[in-house]
Amino acid sequence: MDERLRELERRFRDGGREDDRRALQAARARAGVAPAIGLVFLDDLQAFAPWSSDRAPGWRAERGLDGPLLPPTAHPPLVVVAVARSAVHLESSARWLHLAARVVVVALPEAEAARDALPGSEWFVAARELHLDARVDEALAHVAAEADEGAWTWLARSGEPTPAAAPGPWVEVTRPGDPAALAPRLCARGARPALYEPGTGTLLDLLTGERTPVGGPWAADERPVVAVEPSGRAWFWSPDGRGTFHRTEEGAPPEVIDGRWGGQAIGVDPAGRVAWAGYRTTFHWWVPAGRGLAFWTPSAHEWPCGHAKKLYSYKNNEPCWVHLAPDASACLSVYEHDVLLTPGLPLRWRDVGAHAVAERARGEPRALLFQRGDEPDAFPADPLEAEEDARDRRATVVLGPSAAVRYAVGLEATTYRLAGGEVRRLGGPADAWVAFDDTHREVQRHRGRLLAGWDRTVVVLRDAALHRVDLLTGDDEALGPPGRPIVEALAVPGTRNVLLVSEGAVRLV
């Protein structure tokens, strides 16, 4: 940190005036640095949605603090002050908190049962809830006297998608009940997309159809839900589906990770920045931590704009896959019956002067999309109210490359969108697909059936032939006929390729 920035830091610490704070924030922005201290309320960190816990915004408002959002990151700062009301929250977040160099806990007495989960941490215990904020102020003053500016681990932008591989052959596979179950097992492996087959412990090369044994950390008769990492030789999986997760590298014993939230692994970011797991009501985020993963935070899933929990009183709405934009500016989470577009990472840090504060992500783009059949005997529910029982199936949605082309939606069936508190019928059934910006304004309309895509590239079926289309330039590459009826199509994250799924077979295009 240069001397000018040090002087502004000292001046703000001594005086704390509004003009000093603004000068310090501006100097940090110019120098590309951030506060070394971060304050996180674990109520917010472990809340399902920005409207279900508002501790950080309320704390800031009481003190008149404001400032710019820092670059997106899934890591804590060098020094983290964590406010906990319960031992459960601390135990769930302990692994993530230990990614910081120094952990200071401000807690109520009932949280002290989790002391052993955070060895080496410093504690400020408030006798009653009434005293909690005062203890937060004490903890921040305590660490501020020793803290210096330092680098956080910002979430790097993932690289450009790999060049599109040539279309491959149709390859016979054992198809799962829902083709979406193939999504967690796809990996890019550089320029050779592959599908991991846990039943045989092999990688299926989608360019040639060849299978290579790579093993797996489970018995041959088990069929766990496995999310394969980009290398194709490391796995994120749950042996019990009830909260215990493993991360395993080929040839190494598993790293066992106990999490509060149950479910199955559903994906790993193609750049290895984050991973996702979940079931029915939600998915949750994980962060690389040494050889393993650390539980970070659950996702937003509730009304007024979130995934359905249960349909028709009996049917679950399971998560299928999650896509995070290369620059982390938006996130697309896809369930069996609906699709949710949200503004990137679920937690952001705000520079408020002497430190940063973690807050649930708010604002745009946020939209819910689903399809509804027009049959007269459809289950009674109103799609124009986005009622859960009206969500017959997920819409076909691709997360786009920028705010100007934020997402594309297929209209092969009647498709609805909830955004800004209003439900709109986008159209369909029609041989068409539409692209929208991050304010949900239509910016493109095309003919054909949208199949799948990643970043700026989508694959569509038009006039019985496949086409690869660039959302930014409009370039259209003909790929020939599909060769079989297409039941489903899945993006291969990190690439310009798509996996076509037919009855008992898959094909890379």
Protein backbone atom coordinates (compact mmCIF):
# COMPACT_ATOMS: atom_id res chain seq x y z
CA MET A 1 0.00 0.00 0.00
CA ASP A 2 1.51 3.39 -0.96
CA GLU A 3 2.11 6.13 1.61
CA ARG A 4 -0.82 8.28 0.40
CA LEU A 5 -3.23 5.41 1.00
CA ARG A 6 -1.69 4.72 4.40
CA GLU A 7 -2.18 8.36 5.37
CA LEU A 8 -5.84 8.28 4.33
CA GLU A 9 -6.30 5.08 6.33
CA ARG A 10 -4.79 6.67 9.44
CA ARG A 11 -6.81 9.85 9.01
CA PHE A 12 -10.07 7.93 8.69
CA ARG A 13 -9.22 5.80 11.74
CA ASP A 14 -8.51 8.89 13.81
CA GLY A 15 -11.36 11.10 12.63
CA GLY A 16 -13.86 8.98 10.72
CA ARG A 17 -15.43 11.94 8.91
CA GLU A 18 -17.61 11.39 5.85
CA ASP A 19 -15.22 13.19 3.49
CA ASP A 20 -12.31 11.10 4.82
CA ARG A 21 -14.25 7.91 4.17
CA ARG A 22 -15.06 8.90 0.60
CA ALA A 23 -11.46 9.91 -0.10
CA LEU A 24 -10.24 6.57 1.25
CA GLN A 25 -12.74 4.61 -0.86
CA ALA A 26 -11.77 6.53 -4.01
CA ALA A 27 -8.05 5.98 -3.35
CA ARG A 28 -8.60 2.27 -2.83
CA ALA A 29 -10.53 2.02 -6.08
CA ARG A 30 -7.71 3.77 -7.99
CA ALA A 31 -5.08 1.53 -6.40
CA GLY A 32 -7.10 -1.65 -6.89
CA VAL A 33 -6.97 -2.64 -3.22
CA ALA A 34 -9.61 -3.39 -0.63
CA PRO A 35 -10.02 -3.21 3.15
CA ALA A 36 -8.19 -5.98 4.97
CA ILE A 37 -11.10 -6.39 7.39
CA GLY A 38 -14.51 -7.82 6.54
CA LEU A 39 -17.66 -8.06 8.65
CA VAL A 40 -20.09 -10.89 7.95
CA PHE A 41 -23.33 -11.64 9.76
CA LEU A 42 -23.74 -15.42 9.57
CA ASP A 43 -27.52 -14.96 9.63
CA ASP A 44 -27.14 -13.32 6.21
CA LEU A 45 -24.51 -15.77 4.96
CA GLN A 46 -26.76 -18.74 5.65
CA ALA A 47 -30.04 -17.13 4.61
CA PHE A 48 -31.82 -18.50 1.56
CA ALA A 49 -32.62 -15.14 0.05
CA PRO A 50 -31.91 -11.40 0.32
CA TRP A 51 -35.38 -10.79 1.72
CA SER A 52 -35.09 -13.38 4.52
CA SER A 53 -32.16 -11.79 6.39
CA ASP A 54 -31.21 -8.11 6.36
CA ARG A 55 -28.71 -7.86 9.19
CA ALA A 56 -25.90 -6.20 7.20
CA PRO A 57 -28.01 -3.50 5.47
CA GLY A 58 -29.70 -2.69 8.77
CA TRP A 59 -26.38 -2.45 10.59
CA ARG A 60 -24.99 -0.13 7.89
CA ALA A 61 -28.10 2.07 7.88
CA GLU A 62 -27.96 2.60 11.64
CA ARG A 63 -24.40 3.93 11.26
CA GLY A 64 -24.95 5.89 8.06
CA LEU A 65 -22.33 3.83 6.20
CA ASP A 66 -22.27 3.31 2.46
CA GLY A 67 -19.79 2.66 -0.30
CA PRO A 68 -19.08 0.76 -3.51
CA LEU A 69 -19.34 -2.97 -4.03
CA LEU A 70 -15.99 -4.71 -4.26
CA PRO A 71 -15.17 -7.15 -7.09
CA PRO A 72 -17.00 -10.47 -6.78
CA THR A 73 -15.38 -13.07 -4.55
CA ALA A 74 -16.37 -16.26 -2.80
CA HIS A 75 -13.55 -15.89 -0.24
CA PRO A 76 -13.41 -13.97 3.03
CA PRO A 77 -10.86 -11.14 3.48
CA LEU A 78 -7.57 -11.44 5.33
CA VAL A 79 -9.29 -10.61 8.63
CA VAL A 80 -12.93 -11.60 9.06
CA VAL A 81 -15.21 -10.60 11.91
CA ALA A 82 -18.07 -13.12 11.99
CA VAL A 83 -21.24 -12.40 13.97
CA ALA A 84 -23.03 -15.55 15.15
CA ARG A 85 -26.22 -16.14 17.06
CA SER A 86 -25.96 -19.95 16.97
CA ALA A 87 -23.38 -22.72 17.11
CA VAL A 88 -24.95 -24.32 14.02
CA HIS A 89 -24.10 -21.32 11.86
CA LEU A 90 -20.51 -21.29 13.08
CA GLU A 91 -20.03 -25.01 12.57
CA SER A 92 -21.41 -24.82 9.02
CA SER A 93 -19.19 -21.85 8.11
CA ALA A 94 -16.02 -22.86 9.99
CA ARG A 95 -14.18 -24.24 6.96
CA TRP A 96 -14.97 -21.14 4.88
CA LEU A 97 -14.04 -18.75 7.70
CA HIS A 98 -10.66 -20.44 8.00
CA LEU A 99 -9.83 -19.34 4.45
CA ALA A 100 -9.11 -16.00 6.19
CA ALA A 101 -5.76 -15.40 7.90
CA ARG A 102 -7.49 -14.26 11.10
CA VAL A 103 -10.97 -15.00 12.42
CA VAL A 104 -12.69 -12.94 15.12
CA VAL A 105 -16.05 -14.20 16.36
CA VAL A 106 -18.73 -12.00 17.92
CA ALA A 107 -21.32 -14.30 19.42
CA LEU A 108 -24.13 -14.90 21.86
CA PRO A 109 -23.40 -17.41 24.64
CA GLU A 110 -25.32 -20.20 22.89
CA ALA A 111 -22.82 -20.07 20.01
CA GLU A 112 -19.86 -20.89 22.25
CA ALA A 113 -20.52 -24.59 21.80
CA ALA A 114 -18.81 -24.19 18.40
CA ARG A 115 -15.48 -22.91 19.79
CA ASP A 116 -13.73 -26.18 18.95
CA ALA A 117 -14.72 -25.79 15.29
CA LEU A 118 -12.70 -22.57 15.05
CA PRO A 119 -9.32 -23.20 16.71
CA GLY A 120 -7.15 -20.10 16.90
CA SER A 121 -10.07 -17.68 16.58
CA GLU A 122 -10.63 -14.69 18.89
CA TRP A 123 -13.97 -14.28 20.64
CA PHE A 124 -16.11 -11.36 21.79
CA VAL A 125 -19.15 -12.75 23.60
CA ALA A 126 -22.26 -10.64 24.19
CA ALA A 127 -24.25 -11.62 27.26
CA ARG A 128 -27.52 -10.68 25.57
CA GLU A 129 -28.82 -9.86 22.09
CA LEU A 130 -29.10 -6.23 23.18
CA HIS A 131 -25.31 -6.04 23.56
CA LEU A 132 -24.38 -7.76 20.29
CA ASP A 133 -23.87 -4.64 18.16
CA ALA A 134 -21.70 -3.00 20.82
CA ARG A 135 -19.46 -6.08 20.83
CA VAL A 136 -19.27 -5.89 17.02
CA ASP A 137 -17.97 -2.33 17.33
CA GLU A 138 -15.40 -3.46 19.92
CA ALA A 139 -14.18 -6.30 17.70
CA LEU A 140 -13.82 -4.04 14.66
CA ALA A 141 -11.87 -1.46 16.67
CA HIS A 142 -9.66 -4.23 18.06
CA VAL A 143 -8.61 -5.59 14.65
CA ALA A 144 -8.45 -2.17 12.94
CA ALA A 145 -5.50 -1.13 15.10
CA GLU A 146 -3.39 -3.94 13.61
CA ALA A 147 -4.78 -4.44 10.11
CA ASP A 148 -3.11 -3.40 6.88
CA GLU A 149 -4.38 -3.41 3.33
CA GLY A 150 -4.00 -6.76 1.62
CA ALA A 151 -5.09 -8.77 -1.36
CA TRP A 152 -8.29 -10.77 -1.34
CA THR A 153 -8.85 -13.74 -3.61
CA TRP A 154 -11.12 -12.15 -6.20
CA LEU A 155 -13.15 -14.45 -8.39
CA ALA A 156 -11.15 -14.55 -11.62
CA ARG A 157 -12.94 -14.24 -14.91
CA SER A 158 -12.98 -17.65 -16.55
CA GLY A 159 -11.19 -17.82 -19.88
CA GLU A 160 -12.75 -17.70 -23.29
CA PRO A 161 -14.71 -20.85 -24.18
CA THR A 162 -12.58 -23.45 -25.90
CA PRO A 163 -12.88 -23.53 -29.72
CA ALA A 164 -15.77 -25.67 -30.84
CA ALA A 165 -14.82 -29.29 -31.42
CA ALA A 166 -16.08 -30.90 -34.61
CA PRO A 167 -19.39 -32.76 -34.27
CA GLY A 168 -18.92 -36.27 -32.96
CA PRO A 169 -20.80 -39.53 -33.57
CA TRP A 170 -23.90 -40.74 -31.80
CA VAL A 171 -22.67 -42.91 -28.91
CA GLU A 172 -24.77 -45.45 -27.07
CA VAL A 173 -25.16 -44.78 -23.32
CA THR A 174 -27.41 -45.88 -20.52
CA ARG A 175 -29.79 -42.95 -20.38
CA PRO A 176 -31.01 -41.81 -16.94
CA GLY A 177 -34.68 -41.21 -16.30
CA ASP A 178 -34.21 -37.46 -16.74
CA PRO A 179 -31.57 -36.54 -19.34
CA ALA A 180 -30.64 -33.56 -17.15
CA ALA A 181 -28.94 -36.08 -14.83
CA LEU A 182 -26.11 -36.18 -17.38
CA ALA A 183 -25.29 -32.49 -16.82
CA PRO A 184 -23.13 -32.88 -13.66
CA ARG A 185 -21.01 -35.54 -15.41
CA LEU A 186 -19.95 -33.39 -18.37
CA CYS A 187 -16.46 -31.90 -18.43
CA ALA A 188 -14.45 -29.94 -20.96
CA ARG A 189 -10.97 -31.51 -20.47
CA GLY A 190 -9.38 -28.79 -22.56
CA ALA A 191 -10.49 -29.30 -26.16
CA ARG A 192 -11.85 -32.84 -25.63
CA PRO A 193 -15.30 -32.77 -24.01
CA ALA A 194 -16.13 -35.95 -22.13
CA LEU A 195 -18.90 -37.58 -20.13
CA TYR A 196 -18.07 -39.37 -16.89
CA GLU A 197 -19.87 -42.68 -16.36
CA PRO A 198 -19.79 -43.53 -12.63
CA GLY A 199 -21.28 -46.99 -13.14
CA THR A 200 -18.18 -48.11 -15.03
CA GLY A 201 -15.65 -45.56 -13.76
CA THR A 202 -14.84 -44.43 -17.30
CA LEU A 203 -14.59 -41.20 -19.25
CA LEU A 204 -16.46 -41.26 -22.54
CA ASP A 205 -14.60 -39.18 -25.16
CA LEU A 206 -17.46 -37.44 -26.98
CA LEU A 207 -15.33 -36.80 -30.08
CA THR A 208 -14.51 -40.45 -30.73
CA GLY A 209 -16.77 -42.56 -28.52
CA GLU A 210 -13.75 -44.15 -26.82
CA ARG A 211 -13.95 -44.98 -23.12
CA THR A 212 -10.98 -44.59 -20.76
CA PRO A 213 -10.99 -46.10 -17.24
CA VAL A 214 -10.31 -43.43 -14.60
CA GLY A 215 -11.70 -45.20 -11.58
CA GLY A 216 -13.90 -43.70 -8.92
CA PRO A 217 -14.05 -43.63 -5.14
CA TRP A 218 -17.11 -45.87 -4.78
CA ALA A 219 -18.06 -49.50 -5.16
CA ALA A 220 -18.91 -50.73 -8.65
CA ASP A 221 -22.50 -51.51 -7.66
CA GLU A 222 -23.15 -47.97 -6.39
CA ARG A 223 -24.61 -45.25 -8.59
CA PRO A 224 -23.95 -41.96 -6.77
CA VAL A 225 -24.79 -38.60 -8.25
CA VAL A 226 -21.36 -37.29 -9.20
CA ALA A 227 -20.25 -33.85 -10.35
CA VAL A 228 -17.05 -34.28 -12.31
CA GLU A 229 -14.48 -31.46 -12.26
CA PRO A 230 -13.04 -29.92 -15.46
CA SER A 231 -10.05 -32.28 -15.50
CA GLY A 232 -12.33 -35.32 -15.55
CA ARG A 233 -10.21 -36.85 -12.78
CA ALA A 234 -11.66 -35.28 -9.64
CA TRP A 235 -15.18 -35.63 -8.28
CA PHE A 236 -17.57 -33.85 -5.94
CA TRP A 237 -20.23 -36.20 -4.58
CA SER A 238 -22.37 -37.20 -1.62
CA PRO A 239 -22.38 -40.81 -0.44
CA ASP A 240 -25.51 -40.39 1.67
CA GLY A 241 -27.44 -37.41 0.24
CA ARG A 242 -27.90 -36.06 3.76
CA GLY A 243 -25.19 -33.47 4.23
CA THR A 244 -21.85 -35.29 4.00
CA PHE A 245 -19.92 -34.51 0.84
CA HIS A 246 -16.65 -35.80 -0.54
CA ARG A 247 -14.17 -34.30 -2.94
CA THR A 248 -11.90 -36.95 -4.43
CA GLU A 249 -8.95 -36.71 -6.79
CA GLU A 250 -7.96 -39.76 -8.82
CA GLY A 251 -5.63 -41.97 -6.78
CA ALA A 252 -6.14 -40.05 -3.51
CA PRO A 253 -8.37 -40.70 -0.50
CA PRO A 254 -11.52 -38.58 -0.36
CA GLU A 255 -11.60 -35.26 1.46
CA VAL A 256 -14.68 -35.57 3.70
CA ILE A 257 -16.73 -32.41 4.10
CA ASP A 258 -19.61 -32.23 6.56
CA GLY A 259 -22.18 -29.63 5.60
CA ARG A 260 -25.39 -28.48 7.20
CA TRP A 261 -27.34 -28.85 3.98
CA GLY A 262 -28.16 -32.19 2.37
CA GLY A 263 -28.66 -33.14 -1.23
CA GLN A 264 -26.54 -34.24 -4.17
CA ALA A 265 -23.68 -32.63 -6.07
CA ILE A 266 -25.04 -30.87 -9.15
CA GLY A 267 -22.04 -29.20 -10.76
CA VAL A 268 -18.59 -27.66 -10.71
CA ASP A 269 -17.80 -24.37 -12.44
CA PRO A 270 -15.68 -25.11 -15.56
CA ALA A 271 -12.96 -22.79 -14.25
CA GLY A 272 -13.05 -24.52 -10.84
CA ARG A 273 -14.08 -21.31 -9.05
CA VAL A 274 -17.12 -22.69 -7.20
CA ALA A 275 -19.24 -25.84 -6.98
CA TRP A 276 -22.93 -26.47 -6.33
CA ALA A 277 -25.06 -29.06 -4.56
CA GLY A 278 -28.64 -29.28 -3.40
CA TYR A 279 -32.09 -30.81 -3.64
CA ARG A 280 -35.78 -29.83 -3.98
CA THR A 281 -35.97 -26.55 -2.10
CA THR A 282 -32.58 -25.06 -2.88
CA PHE A 283 -29.06 -25.39 -4.13
CA HIS A 284 -26.01 -24.18 -2.23
CA TRP A 285 -22.55 -22.89 -3.09
CA TRP A 286 -19.14 -24.38 -2.23
CA VAL A 287 -15.67 -22.85 -2.51
CA PRO A 288 -12.31 -24.60 -3.17
CA ALA A 289 -10.38 -24.99 0.09
CA GLY A 290 -7.08 -26.85 -0.10
CA ARG A 291 -7.76 -30.34 -1.46
CA GLY A 292 -11.40 -30.07 -0.52
CA LEU A 293 -14.34 -27.67 -0.63
CA ALA A 294 -15.84 -25.32 1.95
CA PHE A 295 -19.57 -24.77 2.31
CA TRP A 296 -20.27 -21.10 1.53
CA THR A 297 -23.92 -20.12 1.32
CA PRO A 298 -27.36 -21.33 0.18
CA SER A 299 -29.09 -19.81 -2.83
CA ALA A 300 -32.18 -17.65 -3.18
CA HIS A 301 -35.20 -19.82 -3.85
CA GLU A 302 -38.33 -18.34 -2.31
CA TRP A 303 -41.15 -16.05 -3.42
CA PRO A 304 -41.39 -13.42 -4.82
CA CYS A 305 -38.95 -14.75 -7.40
CA GLY A 306 -37.55 -18.19 -6.80
CA HIS A 307 -37.75 -21.88 -7.53
CA ALA A 308 -40.87 -23.87 -6.69
CA LYS A 309 -40.52 -26.13 -3.66
CA LYS A 310 -43.10 -28.84 -4.25
CA LEU A 311 -45.70 -29.32 -6.98
CA TYR A 312 -49.10 -31.03 -7.00
CA SER A 313 -48.60 -31.76 -3.25
CA TYR A 314 -46.23 -34.64 -3.95
CA LYS A 315 -43.71 -33.90 -6.74
CA ASN A 316 -40.26 -32.54 -5.92
CA ASN A 317 -38.60 -29.85 -8.00
CA GLU A 318 -34.99 -31.05 -8.12
CA PRO A 319 -32.05 -28.86 -9.22
CA CYS A 320 -30.47 -29.89 -12.55
CA TRP A 321 -27.52 -27.55 -13.15
CA VAL A 322 -26.13 -24.09 -12.41
CA HIS A 323 -24.24 -21.80 -14.82
CA LEU A 324 -22.21 -18.81 -13.60
CA ALA A 325 -21.28 -16.15 -16.17
CA PRO A 326 -17.52 -15.99 -16.93
CA ASP A 327 -17.31 -12.58 -15.20
CA ALA A 328 -19.69 -13.68 -12.39
CA SER A 329 -22.18 -10.97 -13.37
CA ALA A 330 -25.15 -13.34 -13.53
CA CYS A 331 -26.16 -16.86 -12.55
CA LEU A 332 -28.64 -19.29 -14.10
CA SER A 333 -30.02 -22.09 -11.90
CA VAL A 334 -32.11 -24.73 -13.64
CA TYR A 335 -34.59 -27.00 -11.87
CA GLU A 336 -36.97 -29.64 -13.21
CA HIS A 337 -39.89 -27.21 -13.39
CA ASP A 338 -38.43 -23.69 -13.55
CA VAL A 339 -35.34 -21.63 -14.26
CA LEU A 340 -34.04 -18.71 -12.17
CA LEU A 341 -31.82 -15.88 -13.37
CA THR A 342 -30.05 -14.04 -10.52
CA PRO A 343 -27.35 -11.34 -10.26
CA GLY A 344 -24.17 -13.41 -10.07
CA LEU A 345 -22.76 -14.45 -6.71
CA PRO A 346 -25.31 -14.56 -3.88
CA LEU A 347 -23.06 -12.60 -1.50
CA ARG A 348 -21.13 -9.37 -2.23
CA TRP A 349 -18.79 -7.22 -0.11
CA ARG A 350 -19.26 -3.45 0.23
CA ASP A 351 -16.39 -1.08 1.11
CA VAL A 352 -17.75 1.17 3.90
CA GLY A 353 -14.47 2.77 4.94
CA ALA A 354 -12.50 1.06 7.70
CA HIS A 355 -13.76 -2.33 6.60
CA ALA A 356 -16.06 -4.15 4.19
CA VAL A 357 -19.50 -5.63 4.94
CA ALA A 358 -20.93 -8.80 3.36
CA GLU A 359 -24.46 -8.46 1.95
CA ARG A 360 -26.87 -10.70 0.08
CA ALA A 361 -26.97 -9.80 -3.61
CA ARG A 362 -29.92 -7.71 -4.71
CA GLY A 363 -31.24 -6.11 -7.86
CA GLU A 364 -31.19 -7.18 -11.48
CA PRO A 365 -31.08 -9.31 -13.41
CA ARG A 366 -33.64 -11.46 -11.63
CA ALA A 367 -36.29 -13.48 -13.42
CA LEU A 368 -38.14 -16.78 -13.14
CA LEU A 369 -39.04 -18.69 -16.33
CA PHE A 370 -41.19 -21.77 -16.88
CA GLN A 371 -43.40 -23.48 -19.46
CA ARG A 372 -47.06 -24.33 -19.20
CA GLY A 373 -49.05 -26.66 -21.42
CA ASP A 374 -52.27 -25.44 -23.03
CA GLU A 375 -54.17 -28.68 -22.47
CA PRO A 376 -57.71 -28.11 -21.15
CA ASP A 377 -57.22 -30.76 -18.45
CA ALA A 378 -53.98 -29.25 -17.10
CA PHE A 379 -53.56 -29.13 -13.34
CA PRO A 380 -55.60 -26.13 -12.08
CA ALA A 381 -53.20 -23.29 -11.36
CA ASP A 382 -52.68 -19.80 -12.76
CA PRO A 383 -49.46 -19.25 -14.74
CA LEU A 384 -50.05 -15.48 -14.68
CA GLU A 385 -49.57 -15.67 -10.92
CA ALA A 386 -46.51 -17.93 -11.36
CA GLU A 387 -48.23 -20.45 -9.09
CA GLU A 388 -46.01 -23.45 -8.47
CA ASP A 389 -48.54 -25.97 -9.79
CA ALA A 390 -48.66 -24.03 -13.09
CA ARG A 391 -44.99 -24.74 -13.77
CA ASP A 392 -45.27 -27.83 -15.93
CA ARG A 393 -41.60 -27.89 -16.97
CA ARG A 394 -38.49 -25.78 -17.14
CA ALA A 395 -38.09 -23.27 -19.92
CA THR A 396 -35.14 -23.56 -22.31
CA VAL A 397 -32.83 -20.73 -21.21
CA VAL A 398 -29.20 -19.92 -22.03
CA LEU A 399 -27.18 -17.47 -19.94
CA GLY A 400 -25.72 -14.88 -22.32
CA PRO A 401 -22.32 -13.16 -22.40
CA SER A 402 -23.12 -9.62 -21.22
CA ALA A 403 -25.71 -7.22 -19.85
CA ALA A 404 -26.67 -6.35 -23.44
CA VAL A 405 -27.51 -10.01 -24.24
CA ARG A 406 -28.17 -11.43 -20.79
CA TYR A 407 -30.25 -14.50 -21.63
CA ALA A 408 -31.95 -16.34 -24.49
CA VAL A 409 -35.27 -18.20 -24.16
CA GLY A 410 -36.80 -20.88 -26.38
CA LEU A 411 -40.50 -20.66 -27.24
CA GLU A 412 -41.06 -24.28 -28.28
CA ALA A 413 -43.86 -24.39 -25.67
CA THR A 414 -45.95 -21.71 -23.97
CA THR A 415 -43.37 -19.83 -21.91
CA TYR A 416 -43.86 -17.44 -18.99
CA ARG A 417 -41.53 -15.06 -17.16
CA LEU A 418 -41.86 -13.49 -13.73
CA ALA A 419 -39.70 -10.35 -13.46
CA GLY A 420 -40.15 -7.09 -11.59
CA GLY A 421 -43.22 -8.46 -9.81
CA GLU A 422 -45.07 -9.06 -13.09
CA VAL A 423 -45.72 -12.32 -14.95
CA ARG A 424 -45.68 -12.09 -18.74
CA ARG A 425 -46.44 -14.70 -21.37
CA LEU A 426 -43.44 -14.54 -23.70
CA GLY A 427 -45.08 -16.63 -26.41
CA GLY A 428 -45.20 -20.11 -27.83
CA PRO A 429 -45.60 -22.74 -28.86
CA ALA A 430 -43.58 -21.41 -31.80
CA ASP A 431 -40.54 -22.20 -33.90
CA ALA A 432 -38.70 -19.26 -32.38
CA TRP A 433 -36.33 -18.09 -29.67
CA VAL A 434 -35.75 -14.66 -28.16
CA ALA A 435 -32.83 -12.91 -26.41
CA PHE A 436 -33.20 -10.27 -23.67
CA ASP A 437 -30.91 -7.75 -21.97
CA ASP A 438 -30.51 -7.48 -18.20
CA THR A 439 -33.55 -5.21 -17.95
CA HIS A 440 -35.63 -7.97 -19.62
CA ARG A 441 -36.04 -5.97 -22.83
CA GLU A 442 -36.21 -8.05 -26.02
CA VAL A 443 -33.08 -7.45 -28.11
CA GLN A 444 -33.14 -10.35 -30.60
CA ARG A 445 -35.70 -12.69 -32.15
CA HIS A 446 -34.82 -15.71 -34.27
CA ARG A 447 -36.46 -18.66 -36.00
CA GLY A 448 -35.77 -22.22 -34.88
CA ARG A 449 -35.67 -24.32 -31.71
CA LEU A 450 -33.17 -23.19 -29.09
CA LEU A 451 -31.35 -26.26 -27.78
CA ALA A 452 -28.58 -25.16 -25.38
CA GLY A 453 -25.46 -23.02 -25.17
CA TRP A 454 -22.71 -21.42 -23.11
CA ASP A 455 -21.69 -17.77 -22.94
CA ARG A 456 -21.98 -16.21 -26.43
CA THR A 457 -22.66 -19.46 -28.34
CA VAL A 458 -25.98 -21.29 -28.74
CA VAL A 459 -26.98 -24.30 -30.83
CA VAL A 460 -30.37 -24.26 -32.53
CA LEU A 461 -32.37 -26.62 -34.71
CA ARG A 462 -33.77 -24.87 -37.78
CA ASP A 463 -35.29 -26.43 -40.89
CA ALA A 464 -34.21 -29.93 -39.73
CA ALA A 465 -30.55 -28.85 -39.45
CA LEU A 466 -28.32 -27.79 -36.57
CA HIS A 467 -26.74 -24.32 -36.42
CA ARG A 468 -24.19 -22.80 -34.06
CA VAL A 469 -25.04 -19.10 -33.54
CA ASP A 470 -22.94 -16.34 -31.96
CA LEU A 471 -25.17 -14.13 -29.80
CA LEU A 472 -22.90 -11.10 -30.22
CA THR A 473 -22.01 -11.19 -33.92
CA GLY A 474 -24.88 -13.20 -35.37
CA ASP A 475 -22.44 -15.57 -37.10
CA ASP A 476 -24.28 -18.76 -38.09
CA GLU A 477 -22.37 -22.02 -38.64
CA ALA A 478 -24.28 -24.92 -40.26
CA LEU A 479 -23.66 -28.26 -38.53
CA GLY A 480 -25.86 -30.56 -40.62
CA PRO A 481 -28.83 -32.68 -39.55
CA PRO A 482 -28.92 -34.08 -36.02
CA GLY A 483 -29.31 -37.67 -37.19
CA ARG A 484 -31.77 -38.67 -34.44
CA PRO A 485 -34.71 -37.13 -32.60
CA ILE A 486 -33.47 -34.80 -29.85
CA VAL A 487 -34.96 -35.48 -26.42
CA GLU A 488 -32.77 -32.96 -24.58
CA ALA A 489 -29.70 -30.80 -25.15
CA LEU A 490 -27.12 -29.78 -22.55
CA ALA A 491 -24.35 -27.19 -22.68
CA VAL A 492 -20.81 -28.41 -22.10
CA PRO A 493 -19.76 -25.60 -19.72
CA GLY A 494 -16.63 -23.75 -20.73
CA THR A 495 -16.95 -24.76 -24.38
CA ARG A 496 -18.87 -23.83 -27.53
CA ASN A 497 -20.20 -27.39 -27.77
CA VAL A 498 -23.54 -28.89 -26.84
CA LEU A 499 -24.47 -32.48 -25.97
CA LEU A 500 -27.54 -33.80 -27.79
CA VAL A 501 -29.47 -36.53 -25.97
CA SER A 502 -31.66 -39.05 -27.78
CA GLU A 503 -33.17 -42.35 -26.63
CA GLY A 504 -30.16 -44.30 -25.36
CA ALA A 505 -27.51 -42.22 -27.13
CA VAL A 506 -25.67 -38.90 -26.96
CA ARG A 507 -23.84 -36.79 -29.54
CA LEU A 508 -21.49 -33.82 -29.25
CA VAL A 509 -22.06 -30.94 -31.71
